[in-house]
Amino acid sequence: MIARSLLCPALLVAALLPACTREIYYREGASQAQITAAQDACVAQAYREAPVRTVTTVLPGTFIPERQVCDGAGNCQTIPARFGPPQIVSTDANEELRKAVQRKCMVDAGYSRVQLPICDQNVRNSQPPAITRTLPPLTGQSCLVPRGGEAFQIITP
């Protein structure tokens, strides 16, 4: 019981951590239009170099053992053992390779992935709401305000 009470807060903290930061492609001085164009070109390159390769796997159905079913009058019927229906699973074998090609392409274009903390309410209130169109220089105090969809505002106090 004690272990469970300690585990729940730990899981809650782990679940909330991804919401505390946001990862973006960054190159000082780059515009959002340049980043989008580079991402689009890199996605296209990744699909050329690592096209979708669907792999289909058939997993056998689960074994259902023989069982006996009886009604209220004591009449019993034996239902024979059987296998349930198979499960068909399709995956893209090149998905991870395609992501790697895309990341390398963005690095080759001069972008890096940076993780910025989400700004706290005091910092948000200290600046007028805006959308960052050109990426500013970052400092240790830089943070990000999500502005809907992929839009954001970088604040450097």
N, C-alpha and C. Protein backbone atom coordinates (compact mmCIF):
# COMPACT_ATOMS: atom_id res chain seq x y z
N MET A 1 0.82 -1.19 0.00
CA MET A 1 0.00 0.00 0.00
C MET A 1 0.87 1.26 0.00
N ILE A 2 1.97 1.23 0.77
CA ILE A 2 2.86 2.39 0.83
C ILE A 2 3.53 2.61 -0.52
N ALA A 3 3.97 1.54 -1.15
CA ALA A 3 4.63 1.66 -2.46
C ALA A 3 3.69 2.29 -3.47
N ARG A 4 2.42 1.91 -3.44
CA ARG A 4 1.45 2.46 -4.38
C ARG A 4 1.26 3.96 -4.15
N SER A 5 1.21 4.40 -2.88
CA SER A 5 1.00 5.82 -2.59
C SER A 5 2.21 6.65 -3.03
N LEU A 6 3.41 6.06 -3.03
CA LEU A 6 4.59 6.77 -3.51
C LEU A 6 4.69 6.75 -5.02
N LEU A 7 4.16 5.71 -5.64
CA LEU A 7 4.25 5.55 -7.08
C LEU A 7 3.35 6.53 -7.82
N CYS A 8 2.16 6.75 -7.32
CA CYS A 8 1.20 7.62 -8.02
C CYS A 8 1.72 9.04 -8.22
N PRO A 9 2.26 9.73 -7.18
CA PRO A 9 2.81 11.06 -7.43
C PRO A 9 3.98 11.03 -8.42
N ALA A 10 4.81 9.99 -8.36
CA ALA A 10 5.94 9.88 -9.28
C ALA A 10 5.46 9.75 -10.72
N LEU A 11 4.43 8.96 -10.93
CA LEU A 11 3.88 8.81 -12.28
C LEU A 11 3.24 10.11 -12.76
N LEU A 12 2.58 10.82 -11.86
CA LEU A 12 1.96 12.08 -12.22
C LEU A 12 3.01 13.09 -12.66
N VAL A 13 4.10 13.18 -11.91
CA VAL A 13 5.19 14.09 -12.27
C VAL A 13 5.77 13.70 -13.62
N ALA A 14 6.00 12.40 -13.85
CA ALA A 14 6.55 11.94 -15.13
C ALA A 14 5.61 12.26 -16.28
N ALA A 15 4.31 12.17 -16.05
CA ALA A 15 3.34 12.45 -17.10
C ALA A 15 3.28 13.94 -17.42
N LEU A 16 3.54 14.80 -16.43
CA LEU A 16 3.45 16.23 -16.64
C LEU A 16 4.73 16.85 -17.20
N LEU A 17 5.87 16.18 -17.04
CA LEU A 17 7.14 16.74 -17.51
C LEU A 17 7.15 17.12 -18.98
N PRO A 18 6.66 16.27 -19.90
CA PRO A 18 6.70 16.67 -21.30
C PRO A 18 5.94 17.96 -21.57
N ALA A 19 4.94 18.30 -20.75
CA ALA A 19 4.17 19.51 -20.94
C ALA A 19 4.94 20.74 -20.47
N CYS A 20 6.06 20.57 -19.77
CA CYS A 20 6.84 21.68 -19.22
C CYS A 20 7.87 22.21 -20.19
N THR A 21 8.12 21.50 -21.27
CA THR A 21 9.09 21.95 -22.28
C THR A 21 8.51 21.70 -23.67
N ARG A 22 9.14 22.33 -24.65
CA ARG A 22 8.76 22.09 -26.04
C ARG A 22 10.03 22.07 -26.87
N GLU A 23 10.12 21.08 -27.74
CA GLU A 23 11.30 20.93 -28.60
C GLU A 23 11.00 21.57 -29.95
N ILE A 24 11.92 22.41 -30.42
CA ILE A 24 11.75 23.07 -31.72
C ILE A 24 13.04 22.97 -32.52
N TYR A 25 12.93 23.14 -33.85
CA TYR A 25 14.13 23.31 -34.66
C TYR A 25 14.58 24.75 -34.50
N TYR A 26 15.89 24.95 -34.36
CA TYR A 26 16.40 26.29 -34.07
C TYR A 26 17.65 26.59 -34.87
N ARG A 27 17.68 27.78 -35.43
CA ARG A 27 18.87 28.38 -36.02
C ARG A 27 18.69 29.88 -35.84
N GLU A 28 19.56 30.49 -35.09
CA GLU A 28 19.40 31.91 -34.79
C GLU A 28 19.21 32.72 -36.07
N GLY A 29 18.19 33.57 -36.07
CA GLY A 29 17.92 34.44 -37.21
C GLY A 29 17.04 33.81 -38.29
N ALA A 30 16.78 32.52 -38.20
CA ALA A 30 15.93 31.87 -39.21
C ALA A 30 14.47 32.27 -39.00
N SER A 31 13.77 32.42 -40.11
CA SER A 31 12.34 32.75 -40.03
C SER A 31 11.53 31.46 -39.98
N GLN A 32 10.31 31.58 -39.50
CA GLN A 32 9.44 30.41 -39.46
C GLN A 32 9.21 29.87 -40.88
N ALA A 33 9.15 30.75 -41.87
CA ALA A 33 8.98 30.32 -43.26
C ALA A 33 10.18 29.49 -43.72
N GLN A 34 11.39 29.89 -43.34
CA GLN A 34 12.59 29.13 -43.71
C GLN A 34 12.60 27.77 -43.03
N ILE A 35 12.21 27.73 -41.77
CA ILE A 35 12.17 26.46 -41.04
C ILE A 35 11.16 25.52 -41.68
N THR A 36 9.97 26.04 -41.99
CA THR A 36 8.93 25.22 -42.61
C THR A 36 9.39 24.70 -43.97
N ALA A 37 10.03 25.55 -44.77
CA ALA A 37 10.53 25.13 -46.08
C ALA A 37 11.59 24.04 -45.93
N ALA A 38 12.49 24.20 -44.97
CA ALA A 38 13.53 23.19 -44.74
C ALA A 38 12.92 21.88 -44.27
N GLN A 39 11.95 21.96 -43.36
CA GLN A 39 11.28 20.74 -42.89
C GLN A 39 10.58 20.03 -44.03
N ASP A 40 9.87 20.78 -44.85
CA ASP A 40 9.16 20.17 -45.99
C ASP A 40 10.14 19.48 -46.94
N ALA A 41 11.25 20.16 -47.23
CA ALA A 41 12.26 19.56 -48.12
C ALA A 41 12.86 18.30 -47.48
N CYS A 42 13.08 18.35 -46.18
CA CYS A 42 13.67 17.19 -45.50
C CYS A 42 12.70 16.02 -45.40
N VAL A 43 11.42 16.32 -45.22
CA VAL A 43 10.41 15.25 -45.22
C VAL A 43 10.38 14.58 -46.59
N ALA A 44 10.38 15.39 -47.65
CA ALA A 44 10.37 14.83 -49.00
C ALA A 44 11.62 13.97 -49.25
N GLN A 45 12.78 14.47 -48.82
CA GLN A 45 14.03 13.70 -48.98
C GLN A 45 13.95 12.39 -48.20
N ALA A 46 13.41 12.46 -46.98
CA ALA A 46 13.31 11.26 -46.14
C ALA A 46 12.41 10.22 -46.80
N TYR A 47 11.31 10.64 -47.40
CA TYR A 47 10.42 9.68 -48.08
C TYR A 47 11.07 9.10 -49.33
N ARG A 48 11.93 9.89 -50.00
CA ARG A 48 12.65 9.35 -51.16
C ARG A 48 13.67 8.30 -50.72
N GLU A 49 14.40 8.61 -49.64
CA GLU A 49 15.47 7.71 -49.19
C GLU A 49 14.97 6.53 -48.37
N ALA A 50 13.84 6.70 -47.71
CA ALA A 50 13.29 5.62 -46.87
C ALA A 50 11.78 5.57 -47.06
N PRO A 51 11.34 5.09 -48.23
CA PRO A 51 9.89 5.08 -48.51
C PRO A 51 9.15 4.14 -47.55
N VAL A 52 7.85 4.34 -47.50
CA VAL A 52 7.02 3.48 -46.65
C VAL A 52 7.21 2.04 -47.09
N ARG A 53 7.52 1.17 -46.13
CA ARG A 53 7.66 -0.26 -46.39
C ARG A 53 6.80 -0.98 -45.37
N THR A 54 5.58 -1.30 -45.81
CA THR A 54 4.62 -1.93 -44.92
C THR A 54 4.94 -3.40 -44.74
N VAL A 55 5.03 -3.80 -43.48
CA VAL A 55 5.25 -5.20 -43.13
C VAL A 55 4.01 -5.66 -42.38
N THR A 56 3.41 -6.73 -42.86
CA THR A 56 2.20 -7.26 -42.23
C THR A 56 2.54 -8.57 -41.53
N THR A 57 2.14 -8.65 -40.29
CA THR A 57 2.38 -9.84 -39.48
C THR A 57 1.03 -10.39 -39.03
N VAL A 58 0.88 -11.70 -39.13
CA VAL A 58 -0.34 -12.34 -38.66
C VAL A 58 -0.01 -13.06 -37.36
N LEU A 59 -0.66 -12.60 -36.30
CA LEU A 59 -0.46 -13.23 -34.99
C LEU A 59 -1.59 -14.22 -34.77
N PRO A 60 -1.26 -15.43 -34.36
CA PRO A 60 -2.32 -16.42 -34.18
C PRO A 60 -3.29 -15.98 -33.09
N GLY A 61 -4.53 -16.44 -33.24
CA GLY A 61 -5.54 -16.14 -32.22
C GLY A 61 -5.20 -16.81 -30.90
N THR A 62 -5.78 -16.32 -29.85
CA THR A 62 -5.51 -16.91 -28.53
C THR A 62 -6.25 -18.24 -28.39
N PHE A 63 -5.66 -19.14 -27.64
CA PHE A 63 -6.26 -20.45 -27.40
C PHE A 63 -7.36 -20.32 -26.37
N ILE A 64 -8.52 -20.83 -26.70
CA ILE A 64 -9.66 -20.83 -25.78
C ILE A 64 -9.92 -22.29 -25.41
N PRO A 65 -9.67 -22.64 -24.15
CA PRO A 65 -9.79 -24.05 -23.75
C PRO A 65 -11.25 -24.54 -23.75
N GLU A 66 -11.38 -25.85 -23.78
CA GLU A 66 -12.70 -26.47 -23.72
C GLU A 66 -13.37 -26.05 -22.41
N ARG A 67 -14.70 -25.84 -22.47
CA ARG A 67 -15.41 -25.51 -21.24
C ARG A 67 -16.80 -26.11 -21.27
N GLN A 68 -17.36 -26.24 -20.11
CA GLN A 68 -18.69 -26.82 -19.99
C GLN A 68 -19.65 -25.75 -19.49
N VAL A 69 -20.79 -25.63 -20.18
CA VAL A 69 -21.81 -24.65 -19.82
C VAL A 69 -23.07 -25.41 -19.45
N CYS A 70 -23.62 -25.07 -18.27
CA CYS A 70 -24.83 -25.76 -17.81
C CYS A 70 -25.94 -24.76 -17.58
N ASP A 71 -27.18 -25.16 -17.87
CA ASP A 71 -28.32 -24.29 -17.59
C ASP A 71 -28.87 -24.60 -16.20
N GLY A 72 -29.91 -23.90 -15.79
CA GLY A 72 -30.49 -24.06 -14.47
C GLY A 72 -31.07 -25.43 -14.22
N ALA A 73 -31.45 -26.15 -15.27
CA ALA A 73 -32.06 -27.48 -15.13
C ALA A 73 -30.99 -28.56 -15.04
N GLY A 74 -29.72 -28.19 -15.11
CA GLY A 74 -28.66 -29.18 -15.02
C GLY A 74 -28.25 -29.78 -16.36
N ASN A 75 -28.78 -29.25 -17.46
CA ASN A 75 -28.39 -29.71 -18.79
C ASN A 75 -27.06 -29.05 -19.13
N CYS A 76 -26.08 -29.83 -19.44
CA CYS A 76 -24.73 -29.30 -19.71
C CYS A 76 -24.34 -29.55 -21.16
N GLN A 77 -23.56 -28.63 -21.64
CA GLN A 77 -23.07 -28.72 -23.02
C GLN A 77 -21.58 -28.41 -22.97
N THR A 78 -20.79 -29.19 -23.68
CA THR A 78 -19.35 -28.97 -23.73
C THR A 78 -19.03 -28.18 -24.99
N ILE A 79 -18.36 -27.07 -24.78
CA ILE A 79 -17.93 -26.25 -25.93
C ILE A 79 -16.47 -26.62 -26.16
N PRO A 80 -16.16 -27.12 -27.37
CA PRO A 80 -14.80 -27.61 -27.63
C PRO A 80 -13.76 -26.47 -27.61
N ALA A 81 -12.53 -26.85 -27.38
CA ALA A 81 -11.42 -25.90 -27.42
C ALA A 81 -11.29 -25.37 -28.84
N ARG A 82 -10.80 -24.12 -28.92
CA ARG A 82 -10.64 -23.51 -30.25
C ARG A 82 -9.65 -22.34 -30.16
N PHE A 83 -9.31 -21.84 -31.30
CA PHE A 83 -8.47 -20.65 -31.35
C PHE A 83 -9.36 -19.47 -31.75
N GLY A 84 -9.11 -18.32 -31.13
CA GLY A 84 -9.81 -17.10 -31.51
C GLY A 84 -9.29 -16.62 -32.85
N PRO A 85 -9.89 -15.57 -33.39
CA PRO A 85 -9.46 -15.06 -34.69
C PRO A 85 -8.03 -14.50 -34.63
N PRO A 86 -7.30 -14.60 -35.72
CA PRO A 86 -5.94 -14.06 -35.73
C PRO A 86 -5.96 -12.53 -35.70
N GLN A 87 -4.86 -11.96 -35.28
CA GLN A 87 -4.72 -10.51 -35.28
C GLN A 87 -3.74 -10.14 -36.39
N ILE A 88 -4.14 -9.20 -37.23
CA ILE A 88 -3.28 -8.77 -38.33
C ILE A 88 -2.71 -7.40 -37.97
N VAL A 89 -1.38 -7.32 -37.93
CA VAL A 89 -0.69 -6.09 -37.54
C VAL A 89 0.16 -5.61 -38.71
N SER A 90 -0.05 -4.36 -39.12
CA SER A 90 0.77 -3.77 -40.18
C SER A 90 1.61 -2.64 -39.59
N THR A 91 2.88 -2.63 -39.91
CA THR A 91 3.79 -1.58 -39.45
C THR A 91 4.63 -1.08 -40.62
N ASP A 92 5.15 0.13 -40.47
CA ASP A 92 6.05 0.70 -41.47
C ASP A 92 7.48 0.42 -41.00
N ALA A 93 8.14 -0.49 -41.66
CA ALA A 93 9.50 -0.88 -41.25
C ALA A 93 10.52 0.25 -41.41
N ASN A 94 10.22 1.24 -42.23
CA ASN A 94 11.17 2.34 -42.46
C ASN A 94 10.87 3.60 -41.65
N GLU A 95 9.89 3.55 -40.76
CA GLU A 95 9.48 4.76 -40.04
C GLU A 95 10.63 5.38 -39.24
N GLU A 96 11.35 4.60 -38.46
CA GLU A 96 12.45 5.14 -37.67
C GLU A 96 13.60 5.63 -38.55
N LEU A 97 13.90 4.89 -39.62
CA LEU A 97 14.94 5.32 -40.56
C LEU A 97 14.56 6.65 -41.20
N ARG A 98 13.29 6.79 -41.58
CA ARG A 98 12.82 8.03 -42.20
C ARG A 98 12.96 9.21 -41.23
N LYS A 99 12.64 9.00 -39.95
CA LYS A 99 12.81 10.06 -38.96
C LYS A 99 14.28 10.45 -38.83
N ALA A 100 15.17 9.46 -38.85
CA ALA A 100 16.61 9.73 -38.75
C ALA A 100 17.10 10.51 -39.96
N VAL A 101 16.64 10.14 -41.15
CA VAL A 101 17.04 10.86 -42.38
C VAL A 101 16.56 12.30 -42.31
N GLN A 102 15.34 12.50 -41.83
CA GLN A 102 14.80 13.85 -41.72
C GLN A 102 15.59 14.70 -40.72
N ARG A 103 15.93 14.11 -39.56
CA ARG A 103 16.72 14.84 -38.55
C ARG A 103 18.10 15.21 -39.11
N LYS A 104 18.75 14.26 -39.81
CA LYS A 104 20.07 14.53 -40.38
C LYS A 104 20.00 15.64 -41.43
N CYS A 105 18.95 15.60 -42.23
CA CYS A 105 18.75 16.63 -43.26
C CYS A 105 18.63 18.02 -42.62
N MET A 106 17.89 18.11 -41.51
CA MET A 106 17.73 19.40 -40.83
C MET A 106 19.05 19.86 -40.22
N VAL A 107 19.83 18.93 -39.68
CA VAL A 107 21.15 19.27 -39.14
C VAL A 107 22.05 19.76 -40.27
N ASP A 108 22.01 19.07 -41.41
CA ASP A 108 22.81 19.48 -42.57
C ASP A 108 22.40 20.87 -43.07
N ALA A 109 21.13 21.25 -42.85
CA ALA A 109 20.64 22.56 -43.26
C ALA A 109 20.96 23.63 -42.21
N GLY A 110 21.62 23.22 -41.10
CA GLY A 110 22.05 24.19 -40.11
C GLY A 110 21.12 24.34 -38.91
N TYR A 111 20.15 23.46 -38.77
CA TYR A 111 19.21 23.54 -37.65
C TYR A 111 19.57 22.52 -36.59
N SER A 112 19.28 22.86 -35.36
CA SER A 112 19.44 21.91 -34.26
C SER A 112 18.12 21.84 -33.50
N ARG A 113 17.95 20.76 -32.76
CA ARG A 113 16.76 20.62 -31.92
C ARG A 113 17.09 21.19 -30.56
N VAL A 114 16.30 22.14 -30.11
CA VAL A 114 16.49 22.69 -28.77
C VAL A 114 15.20 22.49 -27.99
N GLN A 115 15.36 22.31 -26.71
CA GLN A 115 14.22 22.12 -25.82
C GLN A 115 14.14 23.35 -24.94
N LEU A 116 13.02 24.08 -25.08
CA LEU A 116 12.84 25.28 -24.28
C LEU A 116 11.75 25.04 -23.24
N PRO A 117 11.96 25.57 -22.02
CA PRO A 117 10.91 25.43 -21.02
C PRO A 117 9.72 26.32 -21.38
N ILE A 118 8.55 25.90 -20.94
CA ILE A 118 7.35 26.72 -21.12
C ILE A 118 7.44 27.84 -20.09
N CYS A 119 7.20 29.09 -20.51
CA CYS A 119 7.30 30.24 -19.62
C CYS A 119 6.25 30.16 -18.51
N ASP A 120 6.65 30.60 -17.31
CA ASP A 120 5.66 30.65 -16.23
C ASP A 120 4.77 31.88 -16.42
N GLN A 121 3.71 31.95 -15.65
CA GLN A 121 2.69 32.99 -15.85
C GLN A 121 3.26 34.39 -15.66
N ASN A 122 4.19 34.58 -14.71
CA ASN A 122 4.77 35.91 -14.49
C ASN A 122 5.52 36.40 -15.72
N VAL A 123 6.28 35.52 -16.33
CA VAL A 123 7.03 35.89 -17.54
C VAL A 123 6.06 36.17 -18.68
N ARG A 124 5.04 35.33 -18.82
CA ARG A 124 4.02 35.55 -19.87
C ARG A 124 3.38 36.93 -19.73
N ASN A 125 3.05 37.29 -18.49
CA ASN A 125 2.36 38.57 -18.25
C ASN A 125 3.28 39.77 -18.45
N SER A 126 4.59 39.56 -18.42
CA SER A 126 5.54 40.67 -18.56
C SER A 126 5.73 41.09 -20.02
N GLN A 127 5.23 40.32 -20.96
CA GLN A 127 5.43 40.60 -22.38
C GLN A 127 4.09 40.66 -23.11
N PRO A 128 3.95 41.51 -24.12
CA PRO A 128 2.71 41.48 -24.90
C PRO A 128 2.66 40.19 -25.73
N PRO A 129 1.49 39.58 -25.86
CA PRO A 129 1.38 38.35 -26.66
C PRO A 129 1.81 38.60 -28.11
N ALA A 130 2.55 37.66 -28.65
CA ALA A 130 3.03 37.75 -30.03
C ALA A 130 3.37 36.35 -30.52
N ILE A 131 3.67 36.26 -31.80
CA ILE A 131 4.16 35.01 -32.38
C ILE A 131 5.56 35.29 -32.92
N THR A 132 6.51 34.46 -32.53
CA THR A 132 7.90 34.63 -32.98
C THR A 132 7.97 34.28 -34.46
N ARG A 133 8.39 35.23 -35.26
CA ARG A 133 8.52 35.02 -36.71
C ARG A 133 9.96 34.75 -37.12
N THR A 134 10.91 35.34 -36.38
CA THR A 134 12.35 35.13 -36.61
C THR A 134 12.96 34.72 -35.29
N LEU A 135 13.72 33.63 -35.30
CA LEU A 135 14.26 33.07 -34.06
C LEU A 135 15.35 33.98 -33.48
N PRO A 136 15.15 34.41 -32.22
CA PRO A 136 16.12 35.30 -31.58
C PRO A 136 17.28 34.52 -30.98
N PRO A 137 18.34 35.25 -30.53
CA PRO A 137 19.40 34.57 -29.79
C PRO A 137 18.80 34.01 -28.49
N LEU A 138 19.29 32.84 -28.08
CA LEU A 138 18.78 32.22 -26.85
C LEU A 138 19.76 32.44 -25.71
N THR A 139 19.19 32.55 -24.50
CA THR A 139 20.00 32.63 -23.29
C THR A 139 19.53 31.53 -22.35
N GLY A 140 20.16 31.43 -21.21
CA GLY A 140 19.76 30.45 -20.22
C GLY A 140 18.38 30.71 -19.64
N GLN A 141 17.87 31.94 -19.82
CA GLN A 141 16.54 32.29 -19.30
C GLN A 141 15.47 32.26 -20.39
N SER A 142 15.81 31.91 -21.61
CA SER A 142 14.82 31.88 -22.69
C SER A 142 13.76 30.84 -22.38
N CYS A 143 12.51 31.17 -22.72
CA CYS A 143 11.41 30.24 -22.54
C CYS A 143 10.42 30.44 -23.68
N LEU A 144 9.43 29.59 -23.72
CA LEU A 144 8.52 29.56 -24.87
C LEU A 144 7.07 29.61 -24.38
N VAL A 145 6.23 30.33 -25.13
CA VAL A 145 4.80 30.38 -24.87
C VAL A 145 4.10 29.78 -26.09
N PRO A 146 3.42 28.63 -25.94
CA PRO A 146 2.67 28.08 -27.08
C PRO A 146 1.55 29.05 -27.48
N ARG A 147 1.36 29.23 -28.76
CA ARG A 147 0.33 30.15 -29.25
C ARG A 147 -0.67 29.46 -30.17
N GLY A 148 -0.84 28.15 -30.00
CA GLY A 148 -1.81 27.41 -30.81
C GLY A 148 -1.15 26.75 -31.99
N GLY A 149 -1.46 25.49 -32.21
CA GLY A 149 -0.86 24.73 -33.31
C GLY A 149 0.65 24.69 -33.16
N GLU A 150 1.36 25.01 -34.23
CA GLU A 150 2.82 25.03 -34.20
C GLU A 150 3.37 26.40 -33.83
N ALA A 151 2.49 27.41 -33.68
CA ALA A 151 2.94 28.78 -33.38
C ALA A 151 3.40 28.89 -31.93
N PHE A 152 4.39 29.78 -31.71
CA PHE A 152 4.90 30.00 -30.35
C PHE A 152 5.54 31.37 -30.28
N GLN A 153 5.78 31.80 -29.05
CA GLN A 153 6.51 33.03 -28.80
C GLN A 153 7.69 32.69 -27.91
N ILE A 154 8.89 33.08 -28.33
CA ILE A 154 10.08 32.89 -27.50
C ILE A 154 10.31 34.18 -26.73
N ILE A 155 10.42 34.06 -25.41
CA ILE A 155 10.69 35.22 -24.56
C ILE A 155 12.06 35.02 -23.93
N THR A 156 12.88 36.07 -24.05
CA THR A 156 14.21 36.05 -23.43
C THR A 156 14.26 37.23 -22.47
N PRO A 157 13.96 36.97 -21.16
CA PRO A 157 13.93 38.08 -20.18
C PRO A 157 15.29 38.70 -19.97
